[in-house]
N, C-alpha and C. Protein backbone atom coordinates (compact mmCIF):
# COMPACT_ATOMS: atom_id res chain seq x y z
N UNK A 1 -52.70 37.81 1.15
CA UNK A 1 -53.69 38.28 2.08
C UNK A 1 -52.97 38.89 3.27
N UNK A 2 -52.98 38.22 4.38
CA UNK A 2 -52.39 38.81 5.55
C UNK A 2 -51.52 37.85 6.33
N UNK A 3 -50.84 38.40 7.30
CA UNK A 3 -50.08 37.56 8.21
C UNK A 3 -51.03 36.70 9.03
N UNK A 4 -52.22 37.26 9.27
CA UNK A 4 -53.32 36.52 9.92
C UNK A 4 -54.53 36.62 9.00
N UNK A 5 -55.18 35.49 8.77
CA UNK A 5 -56.27 35.42 7.81
C UNK A 5 -57.49 34.79 8.46
N UNK A 6 -58.64 35.41 8.22
CA UNK A 6 -59.88 34.96 8.84
C UNK A 6 -60.95 34.78 7.77
N UNK A 7 -61.71 33.69 7.90
CA UNK A 7 -62.82 33.42 7.00
C UNK A 7 -64.11 33.75 7.71
N UNK A 8 -64.97 34.50 7.03
CA UNK A 8 -66.31 34.80 7.55
C UNK A 8 -67.30 34.07 6.68
N UNK A 9 -67.97 33.10 7.26
CA UNK A 9 -68.90 32.20 6.57
C UNK A 9 -70.29 32.34 7.16
N UNK A 10 -71.21 31.64 6.58
CA UNK A 10 -72.59 31.60 7.05
C UNK A 10 -73.50 31.30 5.89
N UNK A 11 -74.69 30.87 6.20
CA UNK A 11 -75.62 30.56 5.12
C UNK A 11 -76.06 31.84 4.42
N UNK A 12 -76.69 31.68 3.30
CA UNK A 12 -77.18 32.83 2.53
C UNK A 12 -78.10 33.68 3.40
N UNK A 13 -77.88 34.98 3.38
CA UNK A 13 -78.74 35.89 4.13
C UNK A 13 -78.28 36.21 5.53
N UNK A 14 -77.15 35.67 5.95
CA UNK A 14 -76.70 35.92 7.32
C UNK A 14 -75.93 37.22 7.47
N UNK A 15 -75.50 37.82 6.35
CA UNK A 15 -74.85 39.12 6.43
C UNK A 15 -73.38 39.13 6.07
N UNK A 16 -72.90 38.11 5.37
CA UNK A 16 -71.48 38.05 5.03
C UNK A 16 -71.02 39.26 4.22
N UNK A 17 -71.80 39.63 3.22
CA UNK A 17 -71.43 40.77 2.38
C UNK A 17 -71.46 42.06 3.18
N UNK A 18 -72.46 42.24 4.01
CA UNK A 18 -72.54 43.45 4.84
C UNK A 18 -71.36 43.55 5.79
N UNK A 19 -70.98 42.44 6.41
CA UNK A 19 -69.83 42.43 7.31
C UNK A 19 -68.56 42.77 6.54
N UNK A 20 -68.41 42.19 5.36
CA UNK A 20 -67.23 42.46 4.54
C UNK A 20 -67.14 43.94 4.17
N UNK A 21 -68.25 44.50 3.78
CA UNK A 21 -68.27 45.93 3.41
C UNK A 21 -67.98 46.82 4.60
N UNK A 22 -68.48 46.46 5.78
CA UNK A 22 -68.20 47.26 6.97
C UNK A 22 -66.74 47.15 7.38
N UNK A 23 -66.17 45.97 7.29
CA UNK A 23 -64.74 45.82 7.58
C UNK A 23 -63.91 46.68 6.63
N UNK A 24 -64.26 46.66 5.35
CA UNK A 24 -63.54 47.47 4.36
C UNK A 24 -63.71 48.96 4.67
N UNK A 25 -64.92 49.35 5.03
CA UNK A 25 -65.19 50.76 5.37
C UNK A 25 -64.31 51.20 6.53
N UNK A 26 -64.04 50.30 7.46
CA UNK A 26 -63.20 50.60 8.61
C UNK A 26 -61.71 50.52 8.28
N UNK A 27 -61.37 50.17 7.07
CA UNK A 27 -59.98 50.17 6.64
C UNK A 27 -59.29 48.82 6.68
N UNK A 28 -60.01 47.77 6.93
CA UNK A 28 -59.40 46.44 6.96
C UNK A 28 -59.30 45.87 5.55
N UNK A 29 -58.30 45.04 5.34
CA UNK A 29 -58.14 44.37 4.05
C UNK A 29 -59.15 43.23 3.98
N UNK A 30 -59.98 43.25 2.95
CA UNK A 30 -61.00 42.22 2.78
C UNK A 30 -60.94 41.65 1.37
N UNK A 31 -61.39 40.42 1.25
CA UNK A 31 -61.57 39.78 -0.04
C UNK A 31 -63.00 39.29 -0.08
N UNK A 32 -63.76 39.77 -1.05
CA UNK A 32 -65.13 39.31 -1.27
C UNK A 32 -65.04 38.00 -2.05
N UNK A 33 -65.01 36.90 -1.35
CA UNK A 33 -64.83 35.62 -2.00
C UNK A 33 -65.86 35.33 -3.07
N UNK A 34 -67.12 35.69 -2.81
CA UNK A 34 -68.17 35.40 -3.79
C UNK A 34 -68.05 36.26 -5.03
N UNK A 35 -67.35 37.36 -4.95
CA UNK A 35 -67.15 38.24 -6.11
C UNK A 35 -65.81 38.00 -6.79
N UNK A 36 -64.78 37.71 -6.01
CA UNK A 36 -63.42 37.66 -6.53
C UNK A 36 -62.88 36.25 -6.78
N UNK A 37 -63.47 35.24 -6.16
CA UNK A 37 -62.93 33.89 -6.25
C UNK A 37 -63.91 32.86 -6.78
N UNK A 38 -65.18 33.21 -6.86
CA UNK A 38 -66.23 32.23 -7.15
C UNK A 38 -66.36 31.90 -8.63
N UNK A 39 -66.73 30.67 -8.87
CA UNK A 39 -67.06 30.19 -10.21
C UNK A 39 -67.96 28.97 -10.06
N UNK A 40 -68.54 28.53 -11.14
CA UNK A 40 -69.35 27.32 -11.13
C UNK A 40 -68.46 26.16 -11.54
N UNK A 41 -68.38 25.14 -10.68
CA UNK A 41 -67.49 24.03 -10.97
C UNK A 41 -67.96 22.72 -10.37
N UNK A 42 -67.26 21.67 -10.73
CA UNK A 42 -67.54 20.34 -10.21
C UNK A 42 -67.04 20.28 -8.77
N UNK A 43 -67.91 20.00 -7.80
CA UNK A 43 -67.49 20.01 -6.39
C UNK A 43 -66.39 19.00 -6.06
N UNK A 44 -66.30 17.91 -6.83
CA UNK A 44 -65.28 16.89 -6.56
C UNK A 44 -63.93 17.26 -7.17
N UNK A 45 -63.94 17.65 -8.42
CA UNK A 45 -62.68 17.89 -9.14
C UNK A 45 -62.27 19.36 -9.19
N UNK A 46 -63.24 20.25 -9.03
CA UNK A 46 -62.97 21.68 -9.16
C UNK A 46 -62.98 22.16 -10.60
N UNK A 47 -63.18 21.26 -11.55
CA UNK A 47 -63.19 21.64 -12.96
C UNK A 47 -64.34 22.60 -13.23
N UNK A 48 -64.06 23.71 -13.92
CA UNK A 48 -65.13 24.67 -14.25
C UNK A 48 -66.23 24.01 -15.07
N UNK A 49 -67.45 24.49 -14.83
CA UNK A 49 -68.62 23.99 -15.55
C UNK A 49 -69.36 25.18 -16.16
N UNK A 50 -69.89 24.98 -17.32
CA UNK A 50 -70.69 26.01 -17.97
C UNK A 50 -72.16 25.64 -17.91
N UNK A 51 -73.00 26.63 -18.07
CA UNK A 51 -74.44 26.43 -18.17
C UNK A 51 -75.06 25.78 -16.93
N UNK A 52 -74.53 26.06 -15.75
CA UNK A 52 -75.15 25.59 -14.52
C UNK A 52 -76.30 26.55 -14.22
N UNK A 53 -77.48 26.00 -14.03
CA UNK A 53 -78.66 26.83 -13.82
C UNK A 53 -79.48 26.33 -12.64
N UNK A 54 -80.49 27.12 -12.28
CA UNK A 54 -81.43 26.72 -11.24
C UNK A 54 -80.76 26.52 -9.90
N UNK A 55 -81.31 25.59 -9.14
CA UNK A 55 -80.79 25.33 -7.80
C UNK A 55 -79.39 24.72 -7.83
N UNK A 56 -79.01 24.14 -8.97
CA UNK A 56 -77.67 23.55 -9.08
C UNK A 56 -76.58 24.61 -8.92
N UNK A 57 -76.91 25.86 -9.14
CA UNK A 57 -75.94 26.94 -8.95
C UNK A 57 -75.34 26.87 -7.55
N UNK A 58 -76.18 26.62 -6.58
CA UNK A 58 -75.71 26.54 -5.20
C UNK A 58 -74.68 25.42 -5.02
N UNK A 59 -75.01 24.23 -5.49
CA UNK A 59 -74.14 23.07 -5.31
C UNK A 59 -72.81 23.19 -6.03
N UNK A 60 -72.75 24.04 -7.05
CA UNK A 60 -71.54 24.18 -7.87
C UNK A 60 -70.83 25.51 -7.63
N UNK A 61 -71.22 26.22 -6.57
CA UNK A 61 -70.62 27.51 -6.23
C UNK A 61 -69.31 27.24 -5.49
N UNK A 62 -68.20 27.35 -6.21
CA UNK A 62 -66.88 27.04 -5.65
C UNK A 62 -65.99 28.27 -5.66
N UNK A 63 -64.94 28.19 -4.87
CA UNK A 63 -63.88 29.19 -4.92
C UNK A 63 -62.63 28.51 -5.48
N UNK A 64 -61.86 29.26 -6.21
CA UNK A 64 -60.62 28.75 -6.80
C UNK A 64 -59.60 28.53 -5.67
N UNK A 65 -59.32 27.27 -5.40
CA UNK A 65 -58.43 26.90 -4.29
C UNK A 65 -57.03 27.47 -4.51
N UNK A 66 -56.53 27.43 -5.72
CA UNK A 66 -55.19 27.97 -5.99
C UNK A 66 -55.13 29.47 -5.70
N UNK A 67 -56.20 30.19 -6.02
CA UNK A 67 -56.22 31.63 -5.72
C UNK A 67 -56.26 31.88 -4.22
N UNK A 68 -57.04 31.07 -3.48
CA UNK A 68 -57.07 31.22 -2.02
C UNK A 68 -55.67 30.97 -1.45
N UNK A 69 -55.02 29.91 -1.91
CA UNK A 69 -53.67 29.60 -1.42
C UNK A 69 -52.68 30.72 -1.74
N UNK A 70 -52.79 31.28 -2.93
CA UNK A 70 -51.89 32.38 -3.32
C UNK A 70 -52.14 33.61 -2.47
N UNK A 71 -53.40 33.90 -2.18
CA UNK A 71 -53.72 35.05 -1.33
C UNK A 71 -53.15 34.88 0.07
N UNK A 72 -53.27 33.68 0.62
CA UNK A 72 -52.75 33.42 1.97
C UNK A 72 -51.22 33.51 1.98
N UNK A 73 -50.58 33.06 0.91
CA UNK A 73 -49.12 33.10 0.84
C UNK A 73 -48.58 34.53 0.77
N UNK A 74 -49.37 35.45 0.24
CA UNK A 74 -48.99 36.86 0.13
C UNK A 74 -49.32 37.54 1.45
N UNK A 75 -48.31 37.77 2.26
CA UNK A 75 -48.55 38.26 3.62
C UNK A 75 -48.19 39.74 3.79
N UNK A 76 -48.49 40.54 2.78
CA UNK A 76 -48.19 41.97 2.86
C UNK A 76 -49.08 42.70 3.86
N UNK A 77 -50.27 42.17 4.12
CA UNK A 77 -51.20 42.81 5.06
C UNK A 77 -51.03 42.21 6.44
N UNK A 78 -51.33 43.00 7.47
CA UNK A 78 -51.28 42.48 8.83
C UNK A 78 -52.40 41.47 9.06
N UNK A 79 -53.58 41.77 8.52
CA UNK A 79 -54.73 40.91 8.71
C UNK A 79 -55.63 41.02 7.48
N UNK A 80 -56.24 39.91 7.11
CA UNK A 80 -57.17 39.89 5.99
C UNK A 80 -58.41 39.09 6.39
N UNK A 81 -59.56 39.61 6.00
CA UNK A 81 -60.82 38.91 6.19
C UNK A 81 -61.35 38.50 4.83
N UNK A 82 -61.60 37.22 4.66
CA UNK A 82 -62.17 36.70 3.43
C UNK A 82 -63.62 36.34 3.74
N UNK A 83 -64.55 36.92 3.00
CA UNK A 83 -65.96 36.77 3.32
C UNK A 83 -66.72 36.10 2.19
N UNK A 84 -67.61 35.20 2.55
CA UNK A 84 -68.47 34.56 1.57
C UNK A 84 -68.63 33.09 1.87
N UNK A 85 -69.23 32.39 0.93
CA UNK A 85 -69.47 30.97 1.12
C UNK A 85 -69.15 30.18 -0.13
N UNK A 86 -68.66 28.99 0.06
CA UNK A 86 -68.36 28.11 -1.07
C UNK A 86 -68.63 26.68 -0.66
N UNK A 87 -68.87 25.85 -1.64
CA UNK A 87 -69.13 24.45 -1.35
C UNK A 87 -67.84 23.66 -1.17
N UNK A 88 -66.71 24.22 -1.53
CA UNK A 88 -65.44 23.50 -1.42
C UNK A 88 -64.54 24.06 -0.31
N UNK A 89 -65.13 24.69 0.70
CA UNK A 89 -64.33 25.30 1.77
C UNK A 89 -63.42 24.29 2.46
N UNK A 90 -63.78 23.02 2.48
CA UNK A 90 -62.95 22.01 3.15
C UNK A 90 -61.56 21.91 2.52
N UNK A 91 -61.42 22.34 1.28
CA UNK A 91 -60.14 22.24 0.58
C UNK A 91 -59.17 23.35 0.97
N UNK A 92 -59.66 24.38 1.70
CA UNK A 92 -58.76 25.47 2.07
C UNK A 92 -59.01 26.03 3.47
N UNK A 93 -59.96 25.52 4.19
CA UNK A 93 -60.33 26.10 5.49
C UNK A 93 -59.18 26.06 6.49
N UNK A 94 -58.31 25.07 6.37
CA UNK A 94 -57.19 24.95 7.30
C UNK A 94 -56.13 26.04 7.12
N UNK A 95 -56.26 26.86 6.07
CA UNK A 95 -55.32 27.95 5.84
C UNK A 95 -55.61 29.17 6.71
N UNK A 96 -56.78 29.19 7.34
CA UNK A 96 -57.22 30.36 8.10
C UNK A 96 -56.90 30.23 9.58
N UNK A 97 -56.57 31.37 10.19
CA UNK A 97 -56.31 31.37 11.63
C UNK A 97 -57.57 31.05 12.42
N UNK A 98 -58.69 31.60 11.95
CA UNK A 98 -59.99 31.33 12.58
C UNK A 98 -61.08 31.46 11.53
N UNK A 99 -62.18 30.78 11.82
CA UNK A 99 -63.36 30.86 10.97
C UNK A 99 -64.50 31.37 11.83
N UNK A 100 -65.16 32.42 11.34
CA UNK A 100 -66.33 32.97 12.01
C UNK A 100 -67.56 32.59 11.20
N UNK A 101 -68.57 32.07 11.89
CA UNK A 101 -69.81 31.65 11.23
C UNK A 101 -70.94 32.56 11.71
N UNK A 102 -71.49 33.33 10.77
CA UNK A 102 -72.60 34.22 11.10
C UNK A 102 -73.86 33.39 11.24
N UNK A 103 -74.58 33.59 12.34
CA UNK A 103 -75.80 32.85 12.61
C UNK A 103 -76.95 33.80 12.89
N UNK A 104 -78.11 33.45 12.34
CA UNK A 104 -79.34 34.21 12.58
C UNK A 104 -80.49 33.23 12.75
N UNK A 105 -81.58 33.71 13.32
CA UNK A 105 -82.75 32.87 13.48
C UNK A 105 -83.56 32.85 12.18
N UNK A 106 -84.49 31.91 12.08
CA UNK A 106 -85.28 31.73 10.87
C UNK A 106 -86.12 32.95 10.54
N UNK A 107 -86.67 33.61 11.54
CA UNK A 107 -87.50 34.79 11.30
C UNK A 107 -86.68 35.92 10.69
N UNK A 108 -85.48 36.13 11.20
CA UNK A 108 -84.60 37.16 10.64
C UNK A 108 -84.21 36.82 9.21
N UNK A 109 -83.91 35.55 8.97
CA UNK A 109 -83.56 35.12 7.62
C UNK A 109 -84.72 35.36 6.66
N UNK A 110 -85.92 34.99 7.05
CA UNK A 110 -87.09 35.19 6.18
C UNK A 110 -87.29 36.68 5.89
N UNK A 111 -87.11 37.52 6.87
CA UNK A 111 -87.26 38.97 6.67
C UNK A 111 -86.19 39.49 5.71
N UNK A 112 -84.96 39.03 5.86
CA UNK A 112 -83.89 39.46 4.97
C UNK A 112 -84.14 38.99 3.54
N UNK A 113 -84.64 37.79 3.39
CA UNK A 113 -84.96 37.30 2.04
C UNK A 113 -86.11 38.11 1.44
N UNK A 114 -87.08 38.49 2.27
CA UNK A 114 -88.19 39.33 1.80
C UNK A 114 -87.68 40.66 1.27
N UNK A 115 -86.59 41.16 1.86
CA UNK A 115 -86.03 42.46 1.46
C UNK A 115 -85.19 42.38 0.19
N UNK A 116 -84.86 41.18 -0.26
CA UNK A 116 -84.08 41.03 -1.49
C UNK A 116 -84.95 41.26 -2.71
N UNK A 117 -84.34 41.81 -3.73
CA UNK A 117 -85.05 42.01 -4.99
C UNK A 117 -85.16 40.71 -5.76
N UNK A 118 -85.95 40.74 -6.81
CA UNK A 118 -86.16 39.52 -7.60
C UNK A 118 -84.93 39.14 -8.43
N UNK A 119 -83.90 40.00 -8.45
CA UNK A 119 -82.67 39.67 -9.17
C UNK A 119 -81.61 39.07 -8.25
N UNK A 120 -81.92 38.89 -6.97
CA UNK A 120 -80.96 38.35 -6.01
C UNK A 120 -81.35 36.92 -5.65
N UNK A 121 -80.35 36.10 -5.34
CA UNK A 121 -80.55 34.72 -4.95
C UNK A 121 -81.53 34.65 -3.77
N UNK A 122 -82.62 33.92 -3.94
CA UNK A 122 -83.60 33.75 -2.88
C UNK A 122 -84.53 34.92 -2.68
N UNK A 123 -84.45 35.91 -3.57
CA UNK A 123 -85.27 37.11 -3.44
C UNK A 123 -86.72 36.90 -3.85
N UNK A 124 -87.43 37.99 -3.92
CA UNK A 124 -88.85 37.96 -4.28
C UNK A 124 -89.08 37.18 -5.57
N UNK A 125 -90.06 36.32 -5.58
CA UNK A 125 -90.41 35.56 -6.77
C UNK A 125 -89.50 34.39 -7.07
N UNK A 126 -88.60 34.07 -6.16
CA UNK A 126 -87.65 32.97 -6.38
C UNK A 126 -87.85 31.92 -5.28
N UNK A 127 -89.04 31.35 -5.26
CA UNK A 127 -89.46 30.48 -4.16
C UNK A 127 -88.58 29.24 -4.00
N UNK A 128 -88.21 28.60 -5.09
CA UNK A 128 -87.38 27.39 -4.99
C UNK A 128 -86.04 27.70 -4.32
N UNK A 129 -85.44 28.83 -4.68
CA UNK A 129 -84.17 29.23 -4.05
C UNK A 129 -84.40 29.54 -2.58
N UNK A 130 -85.46 30.24 -2.29
CA UNK A 130 -85.78 30.58 -0.90
C UNK A 130 -85.97 29.31 -0.06
N UNK A 131 -86.69 28.34 -0.61
CA UNK A 131 -86.89 27.07 0.11
C UNK A 131 -85.57 26.38 0.38
N UNK A 132 -84.66 26.40 -0.61
CA UNK A 132 -83.34 25.80 -0.43
C UNK A 132 -82.57 26.53 0.67
N UNK A 133 -82.57 27.84 0.63
CA UNK A 133 -81.88 28.63 1.65
C UNK A 133 -82.40 28.29 3.04
N UNK A 134 -83.71 28.23 3.19
CA UNK A 134 -84.30 27.92 4.50
C UNK A 134 -83.96 26.51 4.96
N UNK A 135 -83.95 25.55 4.03
CA UNK A 135 -83.58 24.17 4.38
C UNK A 135 -82.12 24.10 4.80
N UNK A 136 -81.23 24.73 4.05
CA UNK A 136 -79.81 24.72 4.39
C UNK A 136 -79.56 25.44 5.71
N UNK A 137 -80.30 26.50 5.95
CA UNK A 137 -80.18 27.22 7.23
C UNK A 137 -80.56 26.31 8.38
N UNK A 138 -81.65 25.59 8.21
CA UNK A 138 -82.14 24.69 9.25
C UNK A 138 -81.16 23.54 9.52
N UNK A 139 -80.61 22.95 8.46
CA UNK A 139 -79.75 21.78 8.61
C UNK A 139 -78.27 22.12 8.81
N UNK A 140 -77.89 23.34 8.45
CA UNK A 140 -76.48 23.77 8.50
C UNK A 140 -75.60 22.83 7.68
N UNK A 141 -76.17 22.33 6.59
CA UNK A 141 -75.50 21.31 5.78
C UNK A 141 -74.24 21.81 5.10
N UNK A 142 -74.16 23.08 4.78
CA UNK A 142 -72.98 23.57 4.05
C UNK A 142 -72.23 24.65 4.82
N UNK A 143 -72.23 24.52 6.15
CA UNK A 143 -71.55 25.48 7.01
C UNK A 143 -70.35 24.77 7.67
N UNK A 144 -69.19 25.41 7.71
CA UNK A 144 -68.04 24.78 8.35
C UNK A 144 -68.30 24.47 9.82
N UNK A 145 -67.89 23.30 10.22
CA UNK A 145 -68.01 22.89 11.63
C UNK A 145 -66.82 23.45 12.40
N UNK A 146 -67.05 23.78 13.65
CA UNK A 146 -65.96 24.23 14.50
C UNK A 146 -65.64 25.71 14.40
N UNK A 147 -66.41 26.45 13.60
CA UNK A 147 -66.19 27.89 13.52
C UNK A 147 -66.72 28.59 14.77
N UNK A 148 -66.31 29.81 14.94
CA UNK A 148 -66.78 30.62 16.07
C UNK A 148 -68.10 31.25 15.67
N UNK A 149 -69.16 30.92 16.40
CA UNK A 149 -70.50 31.43 16.09
C UNK A 149 -70.60 32.90 16.47
N UNK A 150 -71.14 33.68 15.55
CA UNK A 150 -71.36 35.11 15.76
C UNK A 150 -72.86 35.38 15.58
N UNK A 151 -73.47 36.00 16.57
CA UNK A 151 -74.88 36.34 16.48
C UNK A 151 -75.05 37.51 15.52
N UNK A 152 -75.44 37.20 14.30
CA UNK A 152 -75.54 38.22 13.26
C UNK A 152 -76.91 38.88 13.22
N UNK A 153 -77.74 38.65 14.26
CA UNK A 153 -78.99 39.41 14.37
C UNK A 153 -78.74 40.75 15.07
N UNK A 154 -77.59 40.87 15.68
CA UNK A 154 -77.21 42.12 16.34
C UNK A 154 -76.96 43.19 15.27
N UNK A 155 -76.94 44.46 15.68
CA UNK A 155 -76.60 45.51 14.71
C UNK A 155 -75.24 45.25 14.07
N UNK A 156 -75.11 45.63 12.81
CA UNK A 156 -73.90 45.36 12.03
C UNK A 156 -72.64 45.82 12.75
N UNK A 157 -72.65 47.01 13.31
CA UNK A 157 -71.46 47.52 14.00
C UNK A 157 -71.05 46.60 15.14
N UNK A 158 -72.03 46.06 15.87
CA UNK A 158 -71.73 45.15 16.97
C UNK A 158 -71.15 43.83 16.45
N UNK A 159 -71.72 43.31 15.36
CA UNK A 159 -71.23 42.07 14.76
C UNK A 159 -69.76 42.23 14.37
N UNK A 160 -69.45 43.32 13.70
CA UNK A 160 -68.07 43.56 13.26
C UNK A 160 -67.16 43.79 14.46
N UNK A 161 -67.61 44.53 15.45
CA UNK A 161 -66.81 44.72 16.67
C UNK A 161 -66.47 43.39 17.32
N UNK A 162 -67.44 42.48 17.37
CA UNK A 162 -67.21 41.17 17.98
C UNK A 162 -66.19 40.37 17.18
N UNK A 163 -66.31 40.38 15.86
CA UNK A 163 -65.34 39.67 15.02
C UNK A 163 -63.94 40.25 15.22
N UNK A 164 -63.84 41.56 15.25
CA UNK A 164 -62.53 42.19 15.44
C UNK A 164 -61.93 41.84 16.80
N UNK A 165 -62.76 41.85 17.84
CA UNK A 165 -62.27 41.51 19.17
C UNK A 165 -61.82 40.05 19.23
N UNK A 166 -62.62 39.14 18.70
CA UNK A 166 -62.29 37.72 18.76
C UNK A 166 -61.10 37.36 17.86
N UNK A 167 -60.88 38.15 16.82
CA UNK A 167 -59.75 37.88 15.93
C UNK A 167 -58.46 38.53 16.44
N UNK A 168 -58.59 39.46 17.37
CA UNK A 168 -57.44 40.20 17.84
C UNK A 168 -56.94 41.22 16.85
N UNK A 169 -57.81 41.58 15.90
CA UNK A 169 -57.40 42.47 14.81
C UNK A 169 -57.70 43.94 15.08
N UNK A 170 -58.25 44.28 16.21
CA UNK A 170 -58.55 45.67 16.51
C UNK A 170 -57.27 46.49 16.38
N UNK A 171 -57.32 47.53 15.59
CA UNK A 171 -56.17 48.39 15.40
C UNK A 171 -55.22 47.97 14.29
N UNK A 172 -55.51 46.82 13.64
CA UNK A 172 -54.64 46.35 12.56
C UNK A 172 -55.07 46.86 11.19
N UNK A 173 -55.99 47.79 11.14
CA UNK A 173 -56.45 48.28 9.83
C UNK A 173 -55.39 49.15 9.18
N UNK A 174 -55.60 49.41 7.90
CA UNK A 174 -54.66 50.22 7.14
C UNK A 174 -54.76 51.69 7.48
N UNK A 175 -55.85 52.08 8.05
CA UNK A 175 -56.07 53.51 8.36
C UNK A 175 -55.48 53.90 9.68
């Protein structure tokens, strides 16, 4: 990953993917954790699991710890942002220089979920998933403690500017 590595976390619907895509658009090295590292596994052992369905998908959404460690050990980039959420973040969170937690209000979250298609987690017609997302948002049960809170209701450009300023990464892009 990078000489300096940052994790961007937040509950479902807070904008992690959008932030990751904007950072990449600006030339920063990013890793889409939910696309590149995620699998369904046992939260205690990390052993892969097959046929996980329904709401259990959330509880078994893990990132491969060995891959995260390998990415951090590879310091060819000046800075790397790893974006997404996992249930086993406690096993690798200490590898990051800082953790940013995207936060939004319940009304914004509900609107964003309304905008999701029926093929997306918590989208239209997926009420049980939506209820879970809203409960987790309210309780912050699966969000890292001690992260730097970022108001993700602001325009995307402002959210990314704030993350870059707080990380000290302004100007460290590849471009």
